[in-house]
N, C-alpha and C. Protein backbone atom coordinates (compact mmCIF):
# COMPACT_ATOMS: atom_id res chain seq x y z
N MET A 1 -56.74 -38.40 -45.11
CA MET A 1 -58.15 -37.33 -44.73
C MET A 1 -58.96 -38.50 -44.89
N ASN A 2 -59.97 -38.75 -43.45
CA ASN A 2 -61.16 -39.81 -43.89
C ASN A 2 -62.48 -38.91 -45.02
N MET A 3 -62.81 -39.83 -45.52
CA MET A 3 -64.04 -39.54 -45.94
C MET A 3 -65.41 -40.47 -46.18
N VAL A 4 -66.23 -40.22 -45.72
CA VAL A 4 -67.28 -40.90 -45.59
C VAL A 4 -67.69 -41.14 -47.06
N VAL A 5 -68.05 -42.58 -47.44
CA VAL A 5 -68.93 -43.07 -48.38
C VAL A 5 -69.98 -43.97 -48.87
N ASP A 6 -70.94 -43.44 -50.13
CA ASP A 6 -72.51 -44.05 -49.60
C ASP A 6 -72.42 -45.46 -50.68
N ALA A 7 -73.54 -45.86 -50.69
CA ALA A 7 -73.43 -47.65 -51.27
C ALA A 7 -73.37 -46.96 -53.03
N SER A 8 -74.48 -45.09 -52.76
CA SER A 8 -74.35 -45.39 -54.51
C SER A 8 -72.65 -45.22 -56.05
N VAL A 9 -71.92 -44.69 -54.31
CA VAL A 9 -70.23 -44.45 -55.26
C VAL A 9 -69.74 -45.85 -55.23
N ILE A 10 -69.79 -46.49 -54.27
CA ILE A 10 -69.31 -47.88 -54.43
C ILE A 10 -69.89 -48.65 -55.80
N ILE A 11 -70.94 -48.82 -55.29
CA ILE A 11 -71.90 -49.19 -56.59
C ILE A 11 -71.07 -48.91 -58.41
N ALA A 12 -71.47 -47.73 -58.42
CA ALA A 12 -70.86 -46.76 -59.69
C ALA A 12 -69.79 -47.36 -59.94
N ILE A 13 -68.81 -47.00 -58.96
CA ILE A 13 -67.00 -47.51 -59.64
C ILE A 13 -67.18 -49.16 -60.25
N ILE A 14 -68.01 -49.85 -58.56
CA ILE A 14 -67.81 -51.11 -59.39
C ILE A 14 -68.22 -52.00 -60.72
N ALA A 15 -69.94 -51.34 -61.36
CA ALA A 15 -71.16 -51.40 -62.18
C ALA A 15 -69.49 -50.57 -63.69
N ASN A 16 -68.78 -50.07 -63.46
CA ASN A 16 -68.41 -49.21 -64.74
C ASN A 16 -69.31 -47.98 -65.11
N GLU A 17 -70.24 -47.52 -64.52
CA GLU A 17 -71.04 -46.49 -65.04
C GLU A 17 -70.50 -45.72 -65.17
N PRO A 18 -70.75 -44.58 -65.66
CA PRO A 18 -70.58 -43.29 -66.04
C PRO A 18 -70.35 -42.34 -65.04
N GLY A 19 -69.32 -42.33 -64.93
CA GLY A 19 -68.78 -40.76 -63.77
C GLY A 19 -67.54 -41.66 -63.11
N LYS A 20 -67.31 -43.23 -63.22
CA LYS A 20 -66.55 -43.87 -62.36
C LYS A 20 -65.01 -43.12 -62.32
N ASP A 21 -64.09 -42.63 -63.35
CA ASP A 21 -63.14 -42.42 -63.49
C ASP A 21 -62.86 -40.85 -62.65
N ARG A 22 -63.83 -40.12 -62.29
CA ARG A 22 -64.09 -38.95 -61.53
C ARG A 22 -64.55 -39.54 -60.07
N LEU A 23 -65.30 -40.17 -59.91
CA LEU A 23 -65.34 -40.45 -58.45
C LEU A 23 -63.76 -41.31 -57.44
N ILE A 24 -63.39 -42.30 -58.67
CA ILE A 24 -62.03 -42.50 -57.78
C ILE A 24 -60.98 -41.63 -58.35
N THR A 25 -61.14 -40.02 -58.86
CA THR A 25 -60.11 -39.42 -58.37
C THR A 25 -60.35 -38.11 -57.57
N LEU A 26 -62.04 -38.67 -57.02
CA LEU A 26 -62.38 -37.65 -55.80
C LEU A 26 -61.51 -38.72 -54.96
N THR A 27 -61.83 -39.73 -54.68
CA THR A 27 -61.42 -40.42 -53.22
C THR A 27 -60.05 -41.26 -53.29
N LYS A 28 -59.08 -40.73 -54.53
CA LYS A 28 -57.86 -41.39 -54.57
C LYS A 28 -57.51 -40.79 -53.29
N GLY A 29 -56.37 -41.34 -52.69
CA GLY A 29 -55.30 -41.04 -51.45
C GLY A 29 -56.59 -40.99 -50.15
N MET A 30 -58.25 -41.04 -50.02
CA MET A 30 -58.56 -40.73 -48.91
C MET A 30 -58.90 -42.29 -47.99
N ASP A 31 -58.98 -41.97 -47.23
CA ASP A 31 -59.53 -43.25 -46.25
C ASP A 31 -60.78 -43.10 -46.27
N LEU A 32 -61.23 -44.17 -46.79
CA LEU A 32 -62.81 -44.40 -46.76
C LEU A 32 -63.49 -44.98 -46.18
N ILE A 33 -64.03 -44.73 -44.97
CA ILE A 33 -65.59 -44.87 -43.87
C ILE A 33 -66.99 -45.04 -43.89
N ALA A 34 -67.41 -45.68 -43.68
CA ALA A 34 -68.78 -46.16 -43.83
C ALA A 34 -69.57 -46.53 -42.62
N PRO A 35 -70.78 -46.35 -42.35
CA PRO A 35 -71.08 -47.23 -41.51
C PRO A 35 -71.43 -48.51 -41.55
N PHE A 36 -71.57 -49.46 -41.13
CA PHE A 36 -71.78 -50.96 -40.89
C PHE A 36 -72.71 -51.14 -41.86
N SER A 37 -73.59 -50.12 -42.00
CA SER A 37 -75.28 -50.60 -42.62
C SER A 37 -74.65 -50.83 -44.43
N ILE A 38 -73.46 -49.67 -44.80
CA ILE A 38 -73.44 -49.78 -46.46
C ILE A 38 -73.34 -51.28 -47.06
N HIS A 39 -72.49 -52.25 -45.90
CA HIS A 39 -72.11 -53.80 -46.23
C HIS A 39 -73.32 -54.24 -47.03
N TRP A 40 -74.76 -54.05 -45.91
CA TRP A 40 -75.85 -54.58 -46.43
C TRP A 40 -76.55 -54.17 -47.62
N GLU A 41 -76.23 -52.87 -47.25
CA GLU A 41 -76.84 -51.97 -48.93
C GLU A 41 -76.21 -52.54 -50.23
N ILE A 42 -75.18 -52.51 -49.75
CA ILE A 42 -74.51 -52.87 -51.15
C ILE A 42 -74.91 -54.44 -51.69
N GLY A 43 -75.68 -55.62 -51.14
CA GLY A 43 -75.97 -56.64 -51.24
C GLY A 43 -77.28 -56.30 -51.68
N ASN A 44 -77.97 -55.75 -50.39
CA ASN A 44 -79.53 -55.21 -51.72
C ASN A 44 -79.50 -54.58 -52.78
N ALA A 45 -78.49 -53.73 -53.34
CA ALA A 45 -77.98 -53.50 -54.09
C ALA A 45 -78.36 -54.04 -55.33
N PHE A 46 -77.69 -54.98 -55.57
CA PHE A 46 -77.22 -56.39 -56.20
C PHE A 46 -78.21 -57.41 -56.37
N SER A 47 -78.85 -57.94 -55.18
CA SER A 47 -80.22 -58.41 -55.25
C SER A 47 -81.27 -57.72 -56.01
N ALA A 48 -81.36 -56.55 -55.79
CA ALA A 48 -82.72 -56.32 -56.73
C ALA A 48 -82.36 -55.69 -58.38
N MET A 49 -80.48 -55.77 -58.87
CA MET A 49 -80.51 -55.60 -59.76
C MET A 49 -80.61 -57.22 -60.13
N LEU A 50 -80.51 -58.35 -59.33
CA LEU A 50 -80.92 -59.43 -59.74
C LEU A 50 -82.13 -59.38 -60.15
N LYS A 51 -83.15 -59.23 -59.58
CA LYS A 51 -84.54 -59.52 -59.49
C LYS A 51 -85.04 -58.81 -60.32
N ARG A 52 -84.68 -57.67 -60.77
CA ARG A 52 -84.73 -56.80 -61.97
C ARG A 52 -84.22 -57.88 -63.64
N SER A 53 -83.46 -58.75 -63.50
CA SER A 53 -82.25 -59.37 -64.81
C SER A 53 -81.49 -58.23 -65.04
N ARG A 54 -81.02 -57.47 -64.69
CA ARG A 54 -79.89 -56.54 -64.88
C ARG A 54 -78.51 -57.59 -64.56
N ILE A 55 -78.51 -58.48 -64.06
CA ILE A 55 -77.31 -59.05 -64.53
C ILE A 55 -77.56 -60.36 -63.87
N THR A 56 -76.71 -60.91 -63.85
CA THR A 56 -76.85 -62.37 -63.42
C THR A 56 -75.96 -62.39 -62.21
N LEU A 57 -76.52 -63.79 -61.72
CA LEU A 57 -75.42 -64.51 -60.36
C LEU A 57 -73.95 -64.26 -60.07
N HIS A 58 -74.12 -65.04 -61.39
CA HIS A 58 -72.37 -64.96 -61.37
C HIS A 58 -71.38 -63.24 -61.72
N GLN A 59 -72.15 -62.74 -62.40
CA GLN A 59 -72.21 -60.89 -62.47
C GLN A 59 -71.90 -61.00 -61.01
N ALA A 60 -73.03 -60.83 -60.13
CA ALA A 60 -73.18 -60.39 -58.86
C ALA A 60 -71.89 -60.38 -58.14
N LEU A 61 -71.61 -62.28 -57.81
CA LEU A 61 -70.50 -62.78 -57.38
C LEU A 61 -68.99 -61.92 -57.53
N ARG A 62 -69.39 -61.52 -58.97
CA ARG A 62 -67.69 -60.86 -59.09
C ARG A 62 -67.48 -59.26 -58.75
N ALA A 63 -68.83 -58.72 -58.79
CA ALA A 63 -69.31 -57.60 -58.06
C ALA A 63 -68.89 -57.44 -56.75
N LEU A 64 -69.23 -58.38 -56.09
CA LEU A 64 -69.50 -58.47 -54.93
C LEU A 64 -67.54 -59.08 -54.09
N ARG A 65 -66.67 -59.28 -55.34
CA ARG A 65 -65.32 -59.64 -54.77
C ARG A 65 -64.73 -58.58 -55.41
N ALA A 66 -65.19 -57.84 -56.21
CA ALA A 66 -64.29 -56.30 -56.78
C ALA A 66 -64.90 -55.43 -55.51
N TYR A 67 -66.51 -55.60 -54.60
CA TYR A 67 -66.18 -54.80 -53.95
C TYR A 67 -65.32 -54.68 -52.39
N GLY A 68 -65.11 -56.50 -52.22
CA GLY A 68 -64.97 -56.62 -51.25
C GLY A 68 -62.77 -56.19 -51.04
N LYS A 69 -62.53 -55.74 -52.25
CA LYS A 69 -60.67 -55.15 -52.84
C LYS A 69 -61.53 -53.48 -52.38
N ILE A 70 -62.03 -52.87 -52.16
CA ILE A 70 -62.16 -51.67 -52.05
C ILE A 70 -62.04 -51.69 -50.27
N PRO A 71 -60.79 -50.82 -50.41
CA PRO A 71 -60.25 -50.66 -48.55
C PRO A 71 -61.28 -49.10 -48.13
N VAL A 72 -62.69 -49.42 -47.89
CA VAL A 72 -63.80 -49.07 -46.51
C VAL A 72 -63.39 -49.57 -45.23
N ARG A 73 -62.60 -48.58 -44.23
CA ARG A 73 -62.72 -48.85 -42.68
C ARG A 73 -64.63 -49.01 -42.33
N PHE A 74 -65.27 -50.06 -41.93
CA PHE A 74 -66.45 -49.54 -41.42
C PHE A 74 -66.47 -48.93 -40.21
N ALA A 75 -67.17 -48.29 -39.94
CA ALA A 75 -67.36 -47.42 -38.52
C ALA A 75 -68.63 -47.03 -37.78
N GLU A 76 -68.40 -47.39 -36.87
CA GLU A 76 -69.39 -47.51 -36.06
C GLU A 76 -70.47 -46.12 -35.23
N VAL A 77 -71.59 -46.33 -35.45
CA VAL A 77 -72.17 -44.98 -35.52
C VAL A 77 -73.14 -44.77 -33.70
N GLU A 78 -73.81 -44.26 -33.47
CA GLU A 78 -74.36 -44.83 -32.97
C GLU A 78 -75.92 -44.51 -33.18
N LEU A 79 -76.79 -45.79 -32.48
CA LEU A 79 -78.58 -46.26 -33.55
C LEU A 79 -79.10 -44.56 -32.78
N GLU A 80 -79.03 -44.43 -31.34
CA GLU A 80 -79.70 -43.20 -31.00
C GLU A 80 -79.77 -41.84 -31.29
N GLU A 81 -78.16 -41.68 -31.91
CA GLU A 81 -77.68 -40.28 -32.21
C GLU A 81 -78.72 -40.36 -33.59
N SER A 82 -78.59 -41.79 -34.69
CA SER A 82 -78.74 -41.68 -36.24
C SER A 82 -80.13 -41.48 -35.83
N LEU A 83 -81.11 -41.61 -35.27
CA LEU A 83 -82.43 -42.17 -35.16
C LEU A 83 -82.77 -40.61 -34.67
N LYS A 84 -82.08 -39.97 -33.65
CA LYS A 84 -82.86 -38.50 -33.56
C LYS A 84 -82.01 -37.92 -35.16
N ILE A 85 -81.43 -38.10 -35.72
CA ILE A 85 -81.21 -37.52 -37.59
C ILE A 85 -82.43 -37.79 -38.64
N ALA A 86 -82.57 -39.04 -38.01
CA ALA A 86 -83.35 -39.47 -39.43
C ALA A 86 -84.84 -38.79 -38.99
N ALA A 87 -85.37 -38.54 -37.40
CA ALA A 87 -86.41 -37.71 -36.98
C ALA A 87 -86.39 -36.65 -37.58
N GLU A 88 -85.27 -35.25 -37.12
CA GLU A 88 -85.37 -34.16 -37.10
C GLU A 88 -85.52 -34.46 -38.56
N LEU A 89 -84.86 -34.80 -39.49
CA LEU A 89 -84.73 -34.75 -41.26
C LEU A 89 -85.79 -35.08 -42.03
N ASP A 90 -86.80 -36.27 -41.47
CA ASP A 90 -87.47 -37.08 -41.69
C ASP A 90 -87.26 -37.99 -43.01
N ILE A 91 -85.86 -38.41 -43.30
CA ILE A 91 -85.06 -39.68 -43.50
C ILE A 91 -85.20 -41.19 -42.80
N TYR A 92 -84.74 -41.97 -44.35
CA TYR A 92 -84.52 -43.18 -43.74
C TYR A 92 -83.31 -43.33 -42.57
N ALA A 93 -83.21 -44.45 -41.93
CA ALA A 93 -82.50 -44.41 -40.83
C ALA A 93 -81.02 -45.20 -41.76
N TYR A 94 -80.76 -45.82 -42.79
CA TYR A 94 -78.87 -46.17 -43.62
C TYR A 94 -79.42 -44.52 -44.07
N ASP A 95 -80.16 -43.86 -44.39
CA ASP A 95 -78.84 -42.05 -44.41
C ASP A 95 -78.80 -41.42 -43.08
N ALA A 96 -79.47 -41.79 -42.88
CA ALA A 96 -78.99 -41.15 -41.11
C ALA A 96 -77.40 -41.67 -40.71
N TYR A 97 -77.55 -43.04 -41.10
CA TYR A 97 -76.19 -43.84 -40.47
C TYR A 97 -75.38 -42.98 -41.14
N LEU A 98 -75.43 -42.62 -42.68
CA LEU A 98 -74.43 -41.59 -42.95
C LEU A 98 -73.92 -40.55 -43.19
N ILE A 99 -74.68 -39.90 -42.27
CA ILE A 99 -74.90 -38.30 -41.76
C ILE A 99 -74.24 -38.42 -40.67
N ARG A 100 -74.86 -39.60 -39.68
CA ARG A 100 -73.76 -38.98 -37.96
C ARG A 100 -72.65 -39.60 -38.37
N CYS A 101 -72.16 -40.47 -39.62
CA CYS A 101 -70.80 -41.13 -38.90
C CYS A 101 -69.87 -39.96 -40.10
N ALA A 102 -70.39 -39.01 -40.78
CA ALA A 102 -69.61 -37.60 -41.23
C ALA A 102 -69.72 -36.66 -40.10
N LEU A 103 -70.47 -36.87 -39.52
CA LEU A 103 -70.74 -36.08 -38.40
C LEU A 103 -69.74 -35.96 -37.05
N LYS A 104 -69.93 -37.65 -36.64
CA LYS A 104 -68.83 -37.84 -35.57
C LYS A 104 -67.58 -38.41 -35.92
N TYR A 105 -67.44 -38.07 -37.65
CA TYR A 105 -66.11 -38.44 -38.04
C TYR A 105 -65.32 -37.19 -38.65
N ASN A 106 -66.50 -35.92 -38.44
CA ASN A 106 -65.90 -34.83 -39.06
C ASN A 106 -64.80 -35.06 -40.35
N ALA A 107 -66.09 -35.90 -41.32
CA ALA A 107 -65.65 -36.05 -42.74
C ALA A 107 -66.32 -35.50 -43.49
N PRO A 108 -65.97 -35.37 -44.57
CA PRO A 108 -67.33 -35.25 -45.76
C PRO A 108 -67.37 -36.78 -46.63
N LEU A 109 -68.85 -35.88 -46.44
CA LEU A 109 -69.36 -37.77 -47.55
C LEU A 109 -69.97 -37.69 -49.17
N ILE A 110 -69.37 -38.47 -49.65
CA ILE A 110 -69.57 -38.45 -51.02
C ILE A 110 -70.52 -39.49 -51.65
N SER A 111 -71.43 -39.24 -52.28
CA SER A 111 -72.92 -39.38 -52.78
C SER A 111 -73.29 -39.01 -54.07
N LEU A 112 -74.40 -40.26 -54.57
CA LEU A 112 -74.79 -39.96 -55.60
C LEU A 112 -76.27 -39.24 -55.99
N ASP A 113 -76.66 -39.76 -54.61
CA ASP A 113 -77.41 -39.43 -54.52
C ASP A 113 -78.54 -37.95 -53.77
N ASN A 114 -78.88 -37.13 -54.91
CA ASN A 114 -79.04 -35.84 -54.37
C ASN A 114 -79.48 -35.58 -53.27
N SER A 115 -80.81 -36.07 -52.88
CA SER A 115 -81.14 -36.34 -51.85
C SER A 115 -80.54 -35.96 -50.78
N LEU A 116 -79.94 -37.25 -50.38
CA LEU A 116 -79.00 -37.43 -49.24
C LEU A 116 -77.67 -35.93 -49.07
N ARG A 117 -77.25 -35.89 -50.25
CA ARG A 117 -76.77 -34.69 -50.28
C ARG A 117 -77.04 -33.32 -49.80
N ARG A 118 -78.71 -33.08 -50.14
CA ARG A 118 -79.18 -31.94 -49.76
C ARG A 118 -79.22 -32.21 -48.34
N VAL A 119 -80.06 -32.62 -47.76
CA VAL A 119 -80.54 -33.28 -46.00
C VAL A 119 -78.66 -32.99 -45.44
N ALA A 120 -78.09 -33.64 -45.81
CA ALA A 120 -76.49 -33.94 -45.27
C ALA A 120 -76.34 -32.33 -45.13
N GLN A 121 -75.84 -31.76 -46.52
CA GLN A 121 -75.81 -30.17 -46.20
C GLN A 121 -76.13 -29.49 -45.31
N SER A 122 -77.93 -29.75 -45.08
CA SER A 122 -78.55 -29.05 -44.31
C SER A 122 -77.67 -29.18 -42.44
N LYS A 123 -77.80 -30.85 -43.04
CA LYS A 123 -77.28 -30.85 -41.05
C LYS A 123 -75.59 -30.05 -40.47
N GLY A 124 -75.05 -29.82 -42.01
CA GLY A 124 -74.06 -29.00 -41.69
C GLY A 124 -72.43 -30.72 -42.01
N VAL A 125 -72.70 -31.25 -42.73
CA VAL A 125 -72.01 -32.18 -43.42
C VAL A 125 -71.29 -31.70 -44.85
N ARG A 126 -70.68 -31.37 -45.04
CA ARG A 126 -69.49 -31.02 -46.11
C ARG A 126 -69.46 -32.09 -47.13
N VAL A 127 -70.10 -31.53 -48.01
CA VAL A 127 -70.20 -33.26 -49.47
C VAL A 127 -69.42 -32.50 -50.59
N VAL A 128 -68.93 -33.96 -50.54
CA VAL A 128 -68.17 -33.41 -51.87
C VAL A 128 -68.40 -33.57 -53.43
N GLU A 129 -68.45 -32.59 -53.91
CA GLU A 129 -69.12 -32.25 -55.23
C GLU A 129 -68.58 -33.38 -56.18
N VAL A 130 -69.37 -34.15 -56.73
CA VAL A 130 -69.68 -35.09 -57.66
C VAL A 130 -69.53 -35.01 -59.18
N ASN A 131 -70.58 -33.33 -59.67
CA ASN A 131 -70.35 -32.97 -60.56
C ASN A 131 -69.41 -31.96 -61.52
N GLY A 132 -68.45 -32.28 -62.07
CA GLY A 132 -68.01 -31.69 -63.07
C GLY A 132 -66.64 -30.82 -61.82
């Protein structure tokens, strides 16, 4: 079964954050999919951690290698449809891409971003419960 995954989940797993084991359990056996934009969001997240001196370049590069081992299938989403979602829900395009991906592939969304989870549900997207 497909499951749309966002950057917050991937980062939490790679960075060994609290809840990592639960996220792995929730995604085990799932075919993880994400819009192509997730790739750049991951890079941006690590660059932000570098900028704030939360990690070293060596740690960031090691984390990117770990990210490369996570089996995520990059899925095409239509910019026009995504922009319509962004306008309708008053959200950024990156969140709209995830919502469009979930709708297009009739797949639940897993995210640690409560705001994204809320607006995705308002659009009819099934959202995976990540808390307990």
